[in-house]
Amino acid sequence: MQVDDPDHHDANPSVLQGPIGTPTSGQIRFGIPDESIEVLCETLGDLVCPDDNDARIQQSLRYVWRVVEDALSEDPEVIERLADRDEFKANVEHEGVKEVIELLRDTAKKGAWLDIIENSTCTNLLT
């Protein structure tokens, strides 16, 4: 994964641009180390497959939350707002379990796991 020179972005976090598992458009800004991003993308790819049935993806939700929460907790600006497990479960219920399952399945099809962090629906689930 390439990281732009932070001196060119003043006080902003690094701009991350990555190959596999990253969004195909735009740049991502957050304070998560490259290694954690790679682990996040690889682990989510292992947890959710595009052809998994709804029950399998629903069973994976707690693990998906844990992996994303671990990565996001490395950003000091985000850590205070992270949803705990019970808040995440309530947020999933509020958003709709079926919708969350479809979001994960669509993301798995694209292989763009960082979209999970950038997607406003997912952000609402995690904070």
C-alpha atoms as a PDB file:
ATOM      1  CA  MET A   1       0.000   0.000   0.000  1.00  0.00           C
ATOM      2  CA  GLN A   2       1.350   3.432  -0.857  1.00  0.00           C
ATOM      3  CA  VAL A   3       1.226   6.367   1.498  1.00  0.00           C
ATOM      4  CA  ASP A   4       1.522   9.892   0.168  1.00  0.00           C
ATOM      5  CA  ASP A   5       4.084  12.134   1.801  1.00  0.00           C
ATOM      6  CA  PRO A   6       2.251  13.602   4.836  1.00  0.00           C
ATOM      7  CA  ASP A   7       4.141  16.887   4.451  1.00  0.00           C
ATOM      8  CA  HIS A   8       2.004  17.565   1.394  1.00  0.00           C
ATOM      9  CA  HIS A   9      -1.185  17.271   3.440  1.00  0.00           C
ATOM     10  CA  ASP A  10      -0.280  19.533   6.359  1.00  0.00           C
ATOM     11  CA  ALA A  11      -2.005  18.309   9.525  1.00  0.00           C
ATOM     12  CA  ASN A  12      -4.301  15.862   7.735  1.00  0.00           C
ATOM     13  CA  PRO A  13      -3.828  12.126   8.264  1.00  0.00           C
ATOM     14  CA  SER A  14      -2.015  10.201   5.578  1.00  0.00           C
ATOM     15  CA  VAL A  15      -3.786   9.659   2.304  1.00  0.00           C
ATOM     16  CA  LEU A  16      -3.887   5.950   1.632  1.00  0.00           C
ATOM     17  CA  GLN A  17      -4.105   4.456  -1.796  1.00  0.00           C
ATOM     18  CA  GLY A  18      -4.108   0.724  -2.046  1.00  0.00           C
ATOM     19  CA  PRO A  19      -4.511  -1.998  -4.606  1.00  0.00           C
ATOM     20  CA  ILE A  20      -6.588  -5.012  -3.585  1.00  0.00           C
ATOM     21  CA  GLY A  21      -9.514  -4.536  -1.250  1.00  0.00           C
ATOM     22  CA  THR A  22      -9.567  -0.770  -1.440  1.00  0.00           C
ATOM     23  CA  PRO A  23     -12.139   1.490  -3.030  1.00  0.00           C
ATOM     24  CA  THR A  24     -11.774   1.987  -6.743  1.00  0.00           C
ATOM     25  CA  SER A  25     -12.499   5.702  -6.650  1.00  0.00           C
ATOM     26  CA  GLY A  26     -11.238   8.485  -4.445  1.00  0.00           C
ATOM     27  CA  GLN A  27      -8.822   8.485  -1.570  1.00  0.00           C
ATOM     28  CA  ILE A  28      -9.297   7.449   2.029  1.00  0.00           C
ATOM     29  CA  ARG A  29      -8.362   9.651   4.964  1.00  0.00           C
ATOM     30  CA  PHE A  30      -8.066   8.209   8.443  1.00  0.00           C
ATOM     31  CA  GLY A  31      -5.314   7.486  10.908  1.00  0.00           C
ATOM     32  CA  ILE A  32      -4.986   3.711  10.639  1.00  0.00           C
ATOM     33  CA  PRO A  33      -1.587   2.131   9.932  1.00  0.00           C
ATOM     34  CA  ASP A  34      -1.151   0.400   6.573  1.00  0.00           C
ATOM     35  CA  GLU A  35      -0.548  -2.957   8.235  1.00  0.00           C
ATOM     36  CA  SER A  36      -3.867  -2.739  10.093  1.00  0.00           C
ATOM     37  CA  ILE A  37      -5.667  -1.840   6.880  1.00  0.00           C
ATOM     38  CA  GLU A  38      -4.201  -4.871   5.146  1.00  0.00           C
ATOM     39  CA  VAL A  39      -5.238  -7.121   8.036  1.00  0.00           C
ATOM     40  CA  LEU A  40      -8.716  -5.575   7.991  1.00  0.00           C
ATOM     41  CA  CYS A  41      -9.214  -6.205   4.270  1.00  0.00           C
ATOM     42  CA  GLU A  42      -7.796  -9.730   4.329  1.00  0.00           C
ATOM     43  CA  THR A  43      -9.811 -10.761   7.381  1.00  0.00           C
ATOM     44  CA  LEU A  44     -13.077  -9.338   6.070  1.00  0.00           C
ATOM     45  CA  GLY A  45     -12.456 -11.166   2.811  1.00  0.00           C
ATOM     46  CA  ASP A  46     -12.084 -14.387   4.783  1.00  0.00           C
ATOM     47  CA  LEU A  47     -15.197 -13.742   6.896  1.00  0.00           C
ATOM     48  CA  VAL A  48     -17.681 -12.814   4.158  1.00  0.00           C
ATOM     49  CA  CYS A  49     -17.845 -14.417   0.725  1.00  0.00           C
ATOM     50  CA  PRO A  50     -20.138 -13.157  -2.031  1.00  0.00           C
ATOM     51  CA  ASP A  51     -21.933 -16.493  -2.293  1.00  0.00           C
ATOM     52  CA  ASP A  52     -22.500 -16.916   1.457  1.00  0.00           C
ATOM     53  CA  ASN A  53     -26.158 -17.285   2.379  1.00  0.00           C
ATOM     54  CA  ASP A  54     -27.858 -14.735   4.618  1.00  0.00           C
ATOM     55  CA  ALA A  55     -27.605 -16.932   7.724  1.00  0.00           C
ATOM     56  CA  ARG A  56     -23.836 -17.344   7.280  1.00  0.00           C
ATOM     57  CA  ILE A  57     -23.282 -13.607   6.847  1.00  0.00           C
ATOM     58  CA  GLN A  58     -25.516 -12.842   9.817  1.00  0.00           C
ATOM     59  CA  GLN A  59     -23.460 -15.243  11.939  1.00  0.00           C
ATOM     60  CA  SER A  60     -20.335 -13.382  10.830  1.00  0.00           C
ATOM     61  CA  LEU A  61     -21.598  -9.963  11.923  1.00  0.00           C
ATOM     62  CA  ARG A  62     -20.028 -10.088  15.380  1.00  0.00           C
ATOM     63  CA  TYR A  63     -16.663 -10.968  13.847  1.00  0.00           C
ATOM     64  CA  VAL A  64     -16.990  -8.273  11.204  1.00  0.00           C
ATOM     65  CA  TRP A  65     -17.734  -5.754  13.967  1.00  0.00           C
ATOM     66  CA  ARG A  66     -14.705  -6.933  15.949  1.00  0.00           C
ATOM     67  CA  VAL A  67     -12.267  -6.713  13.042  1.00  0.00           C
ATOM     68  CA  VAL A  68     -13.469  -3.274  11.950  1.00  0.00           C
ATOM     69  CA  GLU A  69     -13.584  -2.044  15.548  1.00  0.00           C
ATOM     70  CA  ASP A  70     -10.002  -3.213  16.096  1.00  0.00           C
ATOM     71  CA  ALA A  71      -8.793  -1.302  13.040  1.00  0.00           C
ATOM     72  CA  LEU A  72     -10.784   1.862  13.731  1.00  0.00           C
ATOM     73  CA  SER A  73      -9.664   1.913  17.361  1.00  0.00           C
ATOM     74  CA  GLU A  74      -6.168   2.728  16.100  1.00  0.00           C
ATOM     75  CA  ASP A  75      -7.422   6.140  14.990  1.00  0.00           C
ATOM     76  CA  PRO A  76      -7.416   8.441  18.036  1.00  0.00           C
ATOM     77  CA  GLU A  77     -10.075  10.678  16.460  1.00  0.00           C
ATOM     78  CA  VAL A  78     -12.477   7.747  16.035  1.00  0.00           C
ATOM     79  CA  ILE A  79     -11.879   5.636  19.130  1.00  0.00           C
ATOM     80  CA  GLU A  80     -14.111   7.736  21.399  1.00  0.00           C
ATOM     81  CA  ARG A  81     -17.094   7.324  19.057  1.00  0.00           C
ATOM     82  CA  LEU A  82     -16.883   3.581  18.405  1.00  0.00           C
ATOM     83  CA  ALA A  83     -19.983   1.542  19.134  1.00  0.00           C
ATOM     84  CA  ASP A  84     -19.569  -1.280  21.599  1.00  0.00           C
ATOM     85  CA  ARG A  85     -20.948  -4.700  20.692  1.00  0.00           C
ATOM     86  CA  ASP A  86     -24.443  -4.030  22.085  1.00  0.00           C
ATOM     87  CA  GLU A  87     -24.654  -0.646  20.359  1.00  0.00           C
ATOM     88  CA  PHE A  88     -23.539  -2.270  17.098  1.00  0.00           C
ATOM     89  CA  LYS A  89     -26.255  -4.941  17.425  1.00  0.00           C
ATOM     90  CA  ALA A  90     -28.869  -2.245  18.097  1.00  0.00           C
ATOM     91  CA  ASN A  91     -27.606  -0.221  15.121  1.00  0.00           C
ATOM     92  CA  VAL A  92     -27.851  -3.296  12.859  1.00  0.00           C
ATOM     93  CA  GLU A  93     -31.434  -3.878  14.009  1.00  0.00           C
ATOM     94  CA  HIS A  94     -32.270  -0.222  13.414  1.00  0.00           C
ATOM     95  CA  GLU A  95     -30.699  -0.202   9.946  1.00  0.00           C
ATOM     96  CA  GLY A  96     -32.170  -3.593   9.074  1.00  0.00           C
ATOM     97  CA  VAL A  97     -30.379  -6.920   9.246  1.00  0.00           C
ATOM     98  CA  LYS A  98     -31.195  -7.728   5.610  1.00  0.00           C
ATOM     99  CA  GLU A  99     -29.782  -4.384   4.439  1.00  0.00           C
ATOM    100  CA  VAL A 100     -26.558  -4.908   6.387  1.00  0.00           C
ATOM    101  CA  ILE A 101     -26.207  -8.425   4.993  1.00  0.00           C
ATOM    102  CA  GLU A 102     -26.663  -7.083   1.461  1.00  0.00           C
ATOM    103  CA  LEU A 103     -24.110  -4.332   2.115  1.00  0.00           C
ATOM    104  CA  LEU A 104     -21.561  -6.925   3.203  1.00  0.00           C
ATOM    105  CA  ARG A 105     -22.378  -9.249   0.305  1.00  0.00           C
ATOM    106  CA  ASP A 106     -22.097  -6.420  -2.254  1.00  0.00           C
ATOM    107  CA  THR A 107     -18.805  -5.314  -0.737  1.00  0.00           C
ATOM    108  CA  ALA A 108     -17.503  -8.889  -0.885  1.00  0.00           C
ATOM    109  CA  LYS A 109     -18.471  -9.073  -4.575  1.00  0.00           C
ATOM    110  CA  LYS A 110     -16.476  -5.909  -5.269  1.00  0.00           C
ATOM    111  CA  GLY A 111     -13.607  -6.953  -3.019  1.00  0.00           C
ATOM    112  CA  ALA A 112     -13.472  -3.348  -1.814  1.00  0.00           C
ATOM    113  CA  TRP A 113     -13.459  -3.783   1.946  1.00  0.00           C
ATOM    114  CA  LEU A 114     -12.399  -0.246   2.760  1.00  0.00           C
ATOM    115  CA  ASP A 115     -15.750   0.807   1.328  1.00  0.00           C
ATOM    116  CA  ILE A 116     -17.143  -0.596   4.585  1.00  0.00           C
ATOM    117  CA  ILE A 117     -15.452   2.190   6.507  1.00  0.00           C
ATOM    118  CA  GLU A 118     -16.390   4.880   4.007  1.00  0.00           C
ATOM    119  CA  ASN A 119     -20.008   3.774   3.579  1.00  0.00           C
ATOM    120  CA  SER A 120     -22.260   6.045   5.649  1.00  0.00           C
ATOM    121  CA  THR A 121     -24.541   3.120   6.550  1.00  0.00           C
ATOM    122  CA  CYS A 122     -21.635   1.201   7.956  1.00  0.00           C
ATOM    123  CA  THR A 123     -20.253   4.255   9.713  1.00  0.00           C
ATOM    124  CA  ASN A 124     -23.616   4.651  11.425  1.00  0.00           C
ATOM    125  CA  LEU A 125     -23.424   1.028  12.572  1.00  0.00           C
ATOM    126  CA  LEU A 126     -19.972   1.476  14.091  1.00  0.00           C
ATOM    127  CA  THR A 127     -20.361   4.833  15.838  1.00  0.00           C
END
